[in-house]
C-alpha cells in the first residue's frame, strides 16, 4: 500500500498502472454459468480458455477520505 502522497502513472497504450497492489486475471473458464448461451460458452472454451479481463487494484486504508480505485482492462 502506498502512503501520502499517493500517485501513479497510467502509461498508454497498455494502460497498466506504474504501481499496483494486486493483479487479477479472469479467464473464460472462471465465468462458467454467467452467460445465457451455455453451448456457445462451451464451444469457445473447447478452443481456448481466453482471458476476458484484468484488474489492477490499488489498496488504500479503509478510512474516511481515502478513495478506492483500480484499473480494469477488458479483452
PDB file of N, CA and C in Angstrom:
ATOM      1  N   UNK A   1       0.846  -1.180   0.000  1.00  0.00           N
ATOM      2  CA  UNK A   1       0.000   0.000   0.000  1.00  0.00           C
ATOM      3  C   UNK A   1       0.889   1.240   0.000  1.00  0.00           C
ATOM      4  N   UNK A   2       0.515   2.196  -0.821  1.00  0.00           N
ATOM      5  CA  UNK A   2       1.262   3.438  -0.939  1.00  0.00           C
ATOM      6  C   UNK A   2       0.789   4.438   0.118  1.00  0.00           C
ATOM      7  N   UNK A   3       1.713   5.256   0.570  1.00  0.00           N
ATOM      8  CA  UNK A   3       1.382   6.297   1.532  1.00  0.00           C
ATOM      9  C   UNK A   3       1.315   7.650   0.843  1.00  0.00           C
ATOM     10  N   UNK A   4       1.066   8.670   1.622  1.00  0.00           N
ATOM     11  CA  UNK A   4       0.980  10.031   1.122  1.00  0.00           C
ATOM     12  C   UNK A   4       2.344  10.490   0.643  1.00  0.00           C
ATOM     13  N   UNK A   5       2.504  11.181  -0.467  1.00  0.00           N
ATOM     14  CA  UNK A   5       1.474  11.447  -1.463  1.00  0.00           C
ATOM     15  C   UNK A   5       1.239  10.206  -2.321  1.00  0.00           C
ATOM     16  N   UNK A   6       0.003   9.979  -2.667  1.00  0.00           N
ATOM     17  CA  UNK A   6      -0.389   8.795  -3.407  1.00  0.00           C
ATOM     18  C   UNK A   6      -0.517   9.145  -4.885  1.00  0.00           C
ATOM     19  N   UNK A   7       0.442   8.706  -5.674  1.00  0.00           N
ATOM     20  CA  UNK A   7       0.418   8.977  -7.109  1.00  0.00           C
ATOM     21  C   UNK A   7       0.828   7.725  -7.862  1.00  0.00           C
ATOM     22  N   UNK A   8       0.386   7.634  -9.110  1.00  0.00           N
ATOM     23  CA  UNK A   8       0.830   6.580 -10.016  1.00  0.00           C
ATOM     24  C   UNK A   8       0.537   7.032 -11.440  1.00  0.00           C
ATOM     25  N   UNK A   9       1.257   6.460 -12.382  1.00  0.00           N
ATOM     26  CA  UNK A   9       1.043   6.792 -13.778  1.00  0.00           C
ATOM     27  C   UNK A   9       0.276   5.676 -14.480  1.00  0.00           C
ATOM     28  N   UNK A  10      -0.327   6.037 -15.601  1.00  0.00           N
ATOM     29  CA  UNK A  10      -1.016   5.058 -16.442  1.00  0.00           C
ATOM     30  C   UNK A  10      -0.473   5.228 -17.864  1.00  0.00           C
ATOM     31  N   UNK A  11       0.666   4.589 -18.157  1.00  0.00           N
ATOM     32  CA  UNK A  11       1.252   4.748 -19.489  1.00  0.00           C
ATOM     33  C   UNK A  11       0.375   4.108 -20.564  1.00  0.00           C
ATOM     34  N   UNK A  12       0.200   4.842 -21.643  1.00  0.00           N
ATOM     35  CA  UNK A  12      -0.603   4.352 -22.762  1.00  0.00           C
ATOM     36  C   UNK A  12       0.325   3.877 -23.878  1.00  0.00           C
ATOM     37  N   UNK A  13      -0.049   2.900 -24.672  1.00  0.00           N
ATOM     38  CA  UNK A  13      -1.397   2.378 -24.844  1.00  0.00           C
ATOM     39  C   UNK A  13      -1.739   1.207 -23.928  1.00  0.00           C
ATOM     40  N   UNK A  14      -0.785   0.668 -23.169  1.00  0.00           N
ATOM     41  CA  UNK A  14      -1.054  -0.512 -22.338  1.00  0.00           C
ATOM     42  C   UNK A  14      -2.087  -0.249 -21.257  1.00  0.00           C
ATOM     43  N   UNK A  15      -2.002   0.901 -20.590  1.00  0.00           N
ATOM     44  CA  UNK A  15      -2.951   1.259 -19.545  1.00  0.00           C
ATOM     45  C   UNK A  15      -2.718   0.556 -18.225  1.00  0.00           C
ATOM     46  N   UNK A  16      -1.558  -0.044 -18.048  1.00  0.00           N
ATOM     47  CA  UNK A  16      -1.239  -0.734 -16.787  1.00  0.00           C
ATOM     48  C   UNK A  16      -0.600   0.278 -15.839  1.00  0.00           C
ATOM     49  N   UNK A  17      -1.163   0.432 -14.638  1.00  0.00           N
ATOM     50  CA  UNK A  17      -0.617   1.429 -13.710  1.00  0.00           C
ATOM     51  C   UNK A  17       0.838   1.129 -13.345  1.00  0.00           C
ATOM     52  N   UNK A  18       1.597   2.182 -13.106  1.00  0.00           N
ATOM     53  CA  UNK A  18       3.004   2.023 -12.743  1.00  0.00           C
ATOM     54  C   UNK A  18       3.169   1.431 -11.344  1.00  0.00           C
ATOM     55  N   UNK A  19       2.134   1.566 -10.502  1.00  0.00           N
ATOM     56  CA  UNK A  19       2.130   0.970  -9.156  1.00  0.00           C
ATOM     57  C   UNK A  19       0.768   0.322  -8.943  1.00  0.00           C
ATOM     58  N   UNK A  20       0.767  -0.885  -8.415  1.00  0.00           N
ATOM     59  CA  UNK A  20      -0.487  -1.546  -8.035  1.00  0.00           C
ATOM     60  C   UNK A  20      -0.182  -2.588  -6.976  1.00  0.00           C
ATOM     61  N   UNK A  21      -1.219  -2.969  -6.215  1.00  0.00           N
ATOM     62  CA  UNK A  21      -1.048  -3.899  -5.107  1.00  0.00           C
ATOM     63  C   UNK A  21      -1.510  -5.317  -5.432  1.00  0.00           C
ATOM     64  N   UNK A  22      -2.436  -5.447  -6.369  1.00  0.00           N
ATOM     65  CA  UNK A  22      -2.985  -6.764  -6.683  1.00  0.00           C
ATOM     66  C   UNK A  22      -3.383  -6.802  -8.153  1.00  0.00           C
ATOM     67  N   UNK A  23      -3.089  -7.923  -8.807  1.00  0.00           N
ATOM     68  CA  UNK A  23      -3.444  -8.105 -10.220  1.00  0.00           C
ATOM     69  C   UNK A  23      -4.330  -9.341 -10.328  1.00  0.00           C
ATOM     70  N   UNK A  24      -5.539  -9.142 -10.849  1.00  0.00           N
ATOM     71  CA  UNK A  24      -6.499 -10.238 -11.020  1.00  0.00           C
ATOM     72  C   UNK A  24      -6.689 -10.468 -12.506  1.00  0.00           C
ATOM     73  N   UNK A  25      -6.582 -11.736 -12.930  1.00  0.00           N
ATOM     74  CA  UNK A  25      -6.841 -12.102 -14.314  1.00  0.00           C
ATOM     75  C   UNK A  25      -8.025 -13.053 -14.320  1.00  0.00           C
ATOM     76  N   UNK A  26      -9.054 -12.720 -15.098  1.00  0.00           N
ATOM     77  CA  UNK A  26     -10.260 -13.549 -15.156  1.00  0.00           C
ATOM     78  C   UNK A  26     -10.342 -14.189 -16.541  1.00  0.00           C
ATOM     79  N   UNK A  27     -10.341 -15.530 -16.565  1.00  0.00           N
ATOM     80  CA  UNK A  27     -10.427 -16.270 -17.822  1.00  0.00           C
ATOM     81  C   UNK A  27     -11.863 -16.736 -18.058  1.00  0.00           C
ATOM     82  N   UNK A  28     -12.114 -17.213 -19.273  1.00  0.00           N
ATOM     83  CA  UNK A  28     -13.450 -17.677 -19.627  1.00  0.00           C
ATOM     84  C   UNK A  28     -13.914 -18.794 -18.694  1.00  0.00           C
ATOM     85  N   UNK A  29     -13.035 -19.724 -18.369  1.00  0.00           N
ATOM     86  CA  UNK A  29     -13.438 -20.863 -17.514  1.00  0.00           C
ATOM     87  C   UNK A  29     -13.907 -20.405 -16.136  1.00  0.00           C
ATOM     88  N   UNK A  30     -13.410 -19.265 -15.660  1.00  0.00           N
ATOM     89  CA  UNK A  30     -13.813 -18.741 -14.353  1.00  0.00           C
ATOM     90  C   UNK A  30     -15.212 -18.134 -14.395  1.00  0.00           C
ATOM     91  N   UNK A  31     -15.775 -17.979 -15.587  1.00  0.00           N
ATOM     92  CA  UNK A  31     -17.077 -17.336 -15.739  1.00  0.00           C
ATOM     93  C   UNK A  31     -18.178 -18.333 -16.100  1.00  0.00           C
ATOM     94  N   UNK A  32     -17.938 -19.608 -15.857  1.00  0.00           N
ATOM     95  CA  UNK A  32     -18.938 -20.639 -16.179  1.00  0.00           C
ATOM     96  C   UNK A  32     -20.250 -20.345 -15.448  1.00  0.00           C
ATOM     97  N   UNK A  33     -21.359 -20.433 -16.198  1.00  0.00           N
ATOM     98  CA  UNK A  33     -22.667 -20.178 -15.616  1.00  0.00           C
ATOM     99  C   UNK A  33     -23.087 -18.716 -15.650  1.00  0.00           C
ATOM    100  N   UNK A  34     -22.259 -17.854 -16.214  1.00  0.00           N
ATOM    101  CA  UNK A  34     -22.553 -16.416 -16.232  1.00  0.00           C
ATOM    102  C   UNK A  34     -23.174 -15.937 -17.542  1.00  0.00           C
ATOM    103  N   UNK A  35     -23.254 -16.816 -18.537  1.00  0.00           N
ATOM    104  CA  UNK A  35     -23.742 -16.421 -19.856  1.00  0.00           C
ATOM    105  C   UNK A  35     -25.015 -17.176 -20.212  1.00  0.00           C
ATOM    106  N   UNK A  36     -25.886 -16.542 -20.972  1.00  0.00           N
ATOM    107  CA  UNK A  36     -27.174 -17.136 -21.347  1.00  0.00           C
ATOM    108  C   UNK A  36     -27.004 -18.305 -22.313  1.00  0.00           C
ATOM    109  N   UNK A  37     -25.999 -18.252 -23.188  1.00  0.00           N
ATOM    110  CA  UNK A  37     -25.809 -19.288 -24.207  1.00  0.00           C
ATOM    111  C   UNK A  37     -24.694 -20.244 -23.771  1.00  0.00           C
ATOM    112  N   UNK A  38     -25.060 -21.272 -22.992  1.00  0.00           N
ATOM    113  CA  UNK A  38     -24.073 -22.210 -22.467  1.00  0.00           C
ATOM    114  C   UNK A  38     -23.379 -22.985 -23.582  1.00  0.00           C
ATOM    115  N   UNK A  39     -24.106 -23.279 -24.665  1.00  0.00           N
ATOM    116  CA  UNK A  39     -23.493 -24.014 -25.782  1.00  0.00           C
ATOM    117  C   UNK A  39     -22.379 -23.193 -26.426  1.00  0.00           C
ATOM    118  N   UNK A  40     -22.628 -21.918 -26.627  1.00  0.00           N
ATOM    119  CA  UNK A  40     -21.600 -21.043 -27.192  1.00  0.00           C
ATOM    120  C   UNK A  40     -20.402 -20.949 -26.246  1.00  0.00           C
ATOM    121  N   UNK A  41     -20.679 -20.833 -24.966  1.00  0.00           N
ATOM    122  CA  UNK A  41     -19.616 -20.802 -23.956  1.00  0.00           C
ATOM    123  C   UNK A  41     -18.752 -22.054 -24.062  1.00  0.00           C
ATOM    124  N   UNK A  42     -19.387 -23.225 -24.086  1.00  0.00           N
ATOM    125  CA  UNK A  42     -18.657 -24.496 -24.157  1.00  0.00           C
ATOM    126  C   UNK A  42     -17.837 -24.606 -25.435  1.00  0.00           C
ATOM    127  N   UNK A  43     -18.381 -24.126 -26.556  1.00  0.00           N
ATOM    128  CA  UNK A  43     -17.674 -24.205 -27.836  1.00  0.00           C
ATOM    129  C   UNK A  43     -16.412 -23.336 -27.823  1.00  0.00           C
ATOM    130  N   UNK A  44     -16.529 -22.119 -27.286  1.00  0.00           N
ATOM    131  CA  UNK A  44     -15.361 -21.240 -27.220  1.00  0.00           C
ATOM    132  C   UNK A  44     -14.336 -21.798 -26.247  1.00  0.00           C
ATOM    133  N   UNK A  45     -14.787 -22.283 -25.109  1.00  0.00           N
ATOM    134  CA  UNK A  45     -13.878 -22.834 -24.104  1.00  0.00           C
ATOM    135  C   UNK A  45     -13.150 -24.067 -24.628  1.00  0.00           C
ATOM    136  N   UNK A  46     -13.789 -24.856 -25.477  1.00  0.00           N
ATOM    137  CA  UNK A  46     -13.147 -26.037 -26.061  1.00  0.00           C
ATOM    138  C   UNK A  46     -11.971 -25.648 -26.956  1.00  0.00           C
ATOM    139  N   UNK A  47     -12.020 -24.439 -27.519  1.00  0.00           N
ATOM    140  CA  UNK A  47     -10.939 -23.961 -28.377  1.00  0.00           C
ATOM    141  C   UNK A  47      -9.814 -23.340 -27.566  1.00  0.00           C
ATOM    142  N   UNK A  48     -10.189 -22.511 -26.584  1.00  0.00           N
ATOM    143  CA  UNK A  48      -9.184 -21.790 -25.799  1.00  0.00           C
ATOM    144  C   UNK A  48      -9.822 -21.164 -24.565  1.00  0.00           C
ATOM    145  N   UNK A  49      -9.085 -21.171 -23.464  1.00  0.00           N
ATOM    146  CA  UNK A  49      -9.537 -20.521 -22.226  1.00  0.00           C
ATOM    147  C   UNK A  49      -9.012 -19.085 -22.245  1.00  0.00           C
ATOM    148  N   UNK A  50      -9.690 -18.225 -22.982  1.00  0.00           N
ATOM    149  CA  UNK A  50      -9.217 -16.860 -23.220  1.00  0.00           C
ATOM    150  C   UNK A  50      -9.313 -15.994 -21.965  1.00  0.00           C
ATOM    151  N   UNK A  51      -8.452 -15.007 -21.889  1.00  0.00           N
ATOM    152  CA  UNK A  51      -8.513 -14.006 -20.826  1.00  0.00           C
ATOM    153  C   UNK A  51      -9.599 -13.007 -21.200  1.00  0.00           C
ATOM    154  N   UNK A  52     -10.566 -12.802 -20.300  1.00  0.00           N
ATOM    155  CA  UNK A  52     -11.660 -11.868 -20.556  1.00  0.00           C
ATOM    156  C   UNK A  52     -11.344 -10.468 -20.044  1.00  0.00           C
ATOM    157  N   UNK A  53     -10.812 -10.401 -18.820  1.00  0.00           N
ATOM    158  CA  UNK A  53     -10.460  -9.087 -18.286  1.00  0.00           C
ATOM    159  C   UNK A  53      -9.408  -9.212 -17.196  1.00  0.00           C
ATOM    160  N   UNK A  54      -8.780  -8.091 -16.908  1.00  0.00           N
ATOM    161  CA  UNK A  54      -7.781  -7.989 -15.847  1.00  0.00           C
ATOM    162  C   UNK A  54      -8.134  -6.783 -14.987  1.00  0.00           C
ATOM    163  N   UNK A  55      -7.796  -6.862 -13.723  1.00  0.00           N
ATOM    164  CA  UNK A  55      -7.997  -5.746 -12.800  1.00  0.00           C
ATOM    165  C   UNK A  55      -6.688  -5.508 -12.060  1.00  0.00           C
ATOM    166  N   UNK A  56      -6.272  -4.266 -12.035  1.00  0.00           N
ATOM    167  CA  UNK A  56      -5.110  -3.848 -11.255  1.00  0.00           C
ATOM    168  C   UNK A  56      -5.638  -3.036 -10.088  1.00  0.00           C
ATOM    169  N   UNK A  57      -5.540  -3.602  -8.882  1.00  0.00           N
ATOM    170  CA  UNK A  57      -6.089  -2.972  -7.681  1.00  0.00           C
ATOM    171  C   UNK A  57      -5.036  -2.118  -6.981  1.00  0.00           C
ATOM    172  N   UNK A  58      -5.478  -0.988  -6.480  1.00  0.00           N
ATOM    173  CA  UNK A  58      -4.632  -0.101  -5.700  1.00  0.00           C
ATOM    174  C   UNK A  58      -5.262   0.026  -4.318  1.00  0.00           C
ATOM    175  N   UNK A  59      -4.613  -0.537  -3.325  1.00  0.00           N
ATOM    176  CA  UNK A  59      -5.182  -0.550  -1.969  1.00  0.00           C
ATOM    177  C   UNK A  59      -4.984   0.792  -1.283  1.00  0.00           C
ATOM    178  N   UNK A  60      -5.964   1.161  -0.484  1.00  0.00           N
ATOM    179  CA  UNK A  60      -5.905   2.346   0.354  1.00  0.00           C
ATOM    180  C   UNK A  60      -6.462   1.978   1.718  1.00  0.00           C
ATOM    181  N   UNK A  61      -6.092   2.716   2.747  1.00  0.00           N
ATOM    182  CA  UNK A  61      -6.637   2.432   4.075  1.00  0.00           C
ATOM    183  C   UNK A  61      -8.160   2.570   4.084  1.00  0.00           C
ATOM    184  N   UNK A  62      -8.824   1.741   4.851  1.00  0.00           N
ATOM    185  CA  UNK A  62     -10.285   1.791   4.963  1.00  0.00           C
ATOM    186  C   UNK A  62     -10.732   2.859   5.925  1.00  0.00           C
ATOM    187  N   UNK A  63     -10.567   4.112   5.539  1.00  0.00           N
ATOM    188  CA  UNK A  63     -10.941   5.216   6.415  1.00  0.00           C
ATOM    189  C   UNK A  63     -11.491   6.375   5.586  1.00  0.00           C
ATOM    190  N   UNK A  64     -12.202   7.259   6.248  1.00  0.00           N
ATOM    191  CA  UNK A  64     -12.798   8.416   5.576  1.00  0.00           C
ATOM    192  C   UNK A  64     -11.721   9.231   4.871  1.00  0.00           C
ATOM    193  N   UNK A  65     -12.048   9.659   3.662  1.00  0.00           N
ATOM    194  CA  UNK A  65     -11.129  10.488   2.895  1.00  0.00           C
ATOM    195  C   UNK A  65     -10.282   9.726   1.901  1.00  0.00           C
ATOM    196  N   UNK A  66     -10.249   8.409   2.009  1.00  0.00           N
ATOM    197  CA  UNK A  66      -9.481   7.597   1.071  1.00  0.00           C
ATOM    198  C   UNK A  66     -10.391   7.156  -0.072  1.00  0.00           C
ATOM    199  N   UNK A  67      -9.880   7.146  -1.279  1.00  0.00           N
ATOM    200  CA  UNK A  67     -10.647   6.787  -2.461  1.00  0.00           C
ATOM    201  C   UNK A  67     -10.125   5.470  -3.018  1.00  0.00           C
ATOM    202  N   UNK A  68     -10.963   4.432  -2.988  1.00  0.00           N
ATOM    203  CA  UNK A  68     -10.588   3.139  -3.556  1.00  0.00           C
ATOM    204  C   UNK A  68     -10.678   3.224  -5.069  1.00  0.00           C
ATOM    205  N   UNK A  69      -9.687   2.668  -5.756  1.00  0.00           N
ATOM    206  CA  UNK A  69      -9.729   2.675  -7.206  1.00  0.00           C
ATOM    207  C   UNK A  69      -8.800   1.623  -7.781  1.00  0.00           C
ATOM    208  N   UNK A  70      -8.968   1.388  -9.063  1.00  0.00           N
ATOM    209  CA  UNK A  70      -8.152   0.440  -9.783  1.00  0.00           C
ATOM    210  C   UNK A  70      -8.383   0.629 -11.273  1.00  0.00           C
ATOM    211  N   UNK A  71      -7.698  -0.153 -12.043  1.00  0.00           N
ATOM    212  CA  UNK A  71      -7.786  -0.105 -13.494  1.00  0.00           C
ATOM    213  C   UNK A  71      -8.267  -1.461 -13.987  1.00  0.00           C
ATOM    214  N   UNK A  72      -9.323  -1.472 -14.821  1.00  0.00           N
ATOM    215  CA  UNK A  72      -9.826  -2.698 -15.417  1.00  0.00           C
ATOM    216  C   UNK A  72      -9.551  -2.660 -16.911  1.00  0.00           C
ATOM    217  N   UNK A  73      -9.087  -3.783 -17.447  1.00  0.00           N
ATOM    218  CA  UNK A  73      -8.834  -3.913 -18.872  1.00  0.00           C
ATOM    219  C   UNK A  73      -9.705  -5.046 -19.381  1.00  0.00           C
ATOM    220  N   UNK A  74     -10.604  -4.741 -20.304  1.00  0.00           N
ATOM    221  CA  UNK A  74     -11.485  -5.742 -20.904  1.00  0.00           C
ATOM    222  C   UNK A  74     -10.864  -6.178 -22.225  1.00  0.00           C
ATOM    223  N   UNK A  75     -10.667  -7.486 -22.382  1.00  0.00           N
ATOM    224  CA  UNK A  75     -10.061  -8.018 -23.613  1.00  0.00           C
ATOM    225  C   UNK A  75     -11.117  -8.412 -24.611  1.00  0.00           C
TER     226      UNK A  75
END
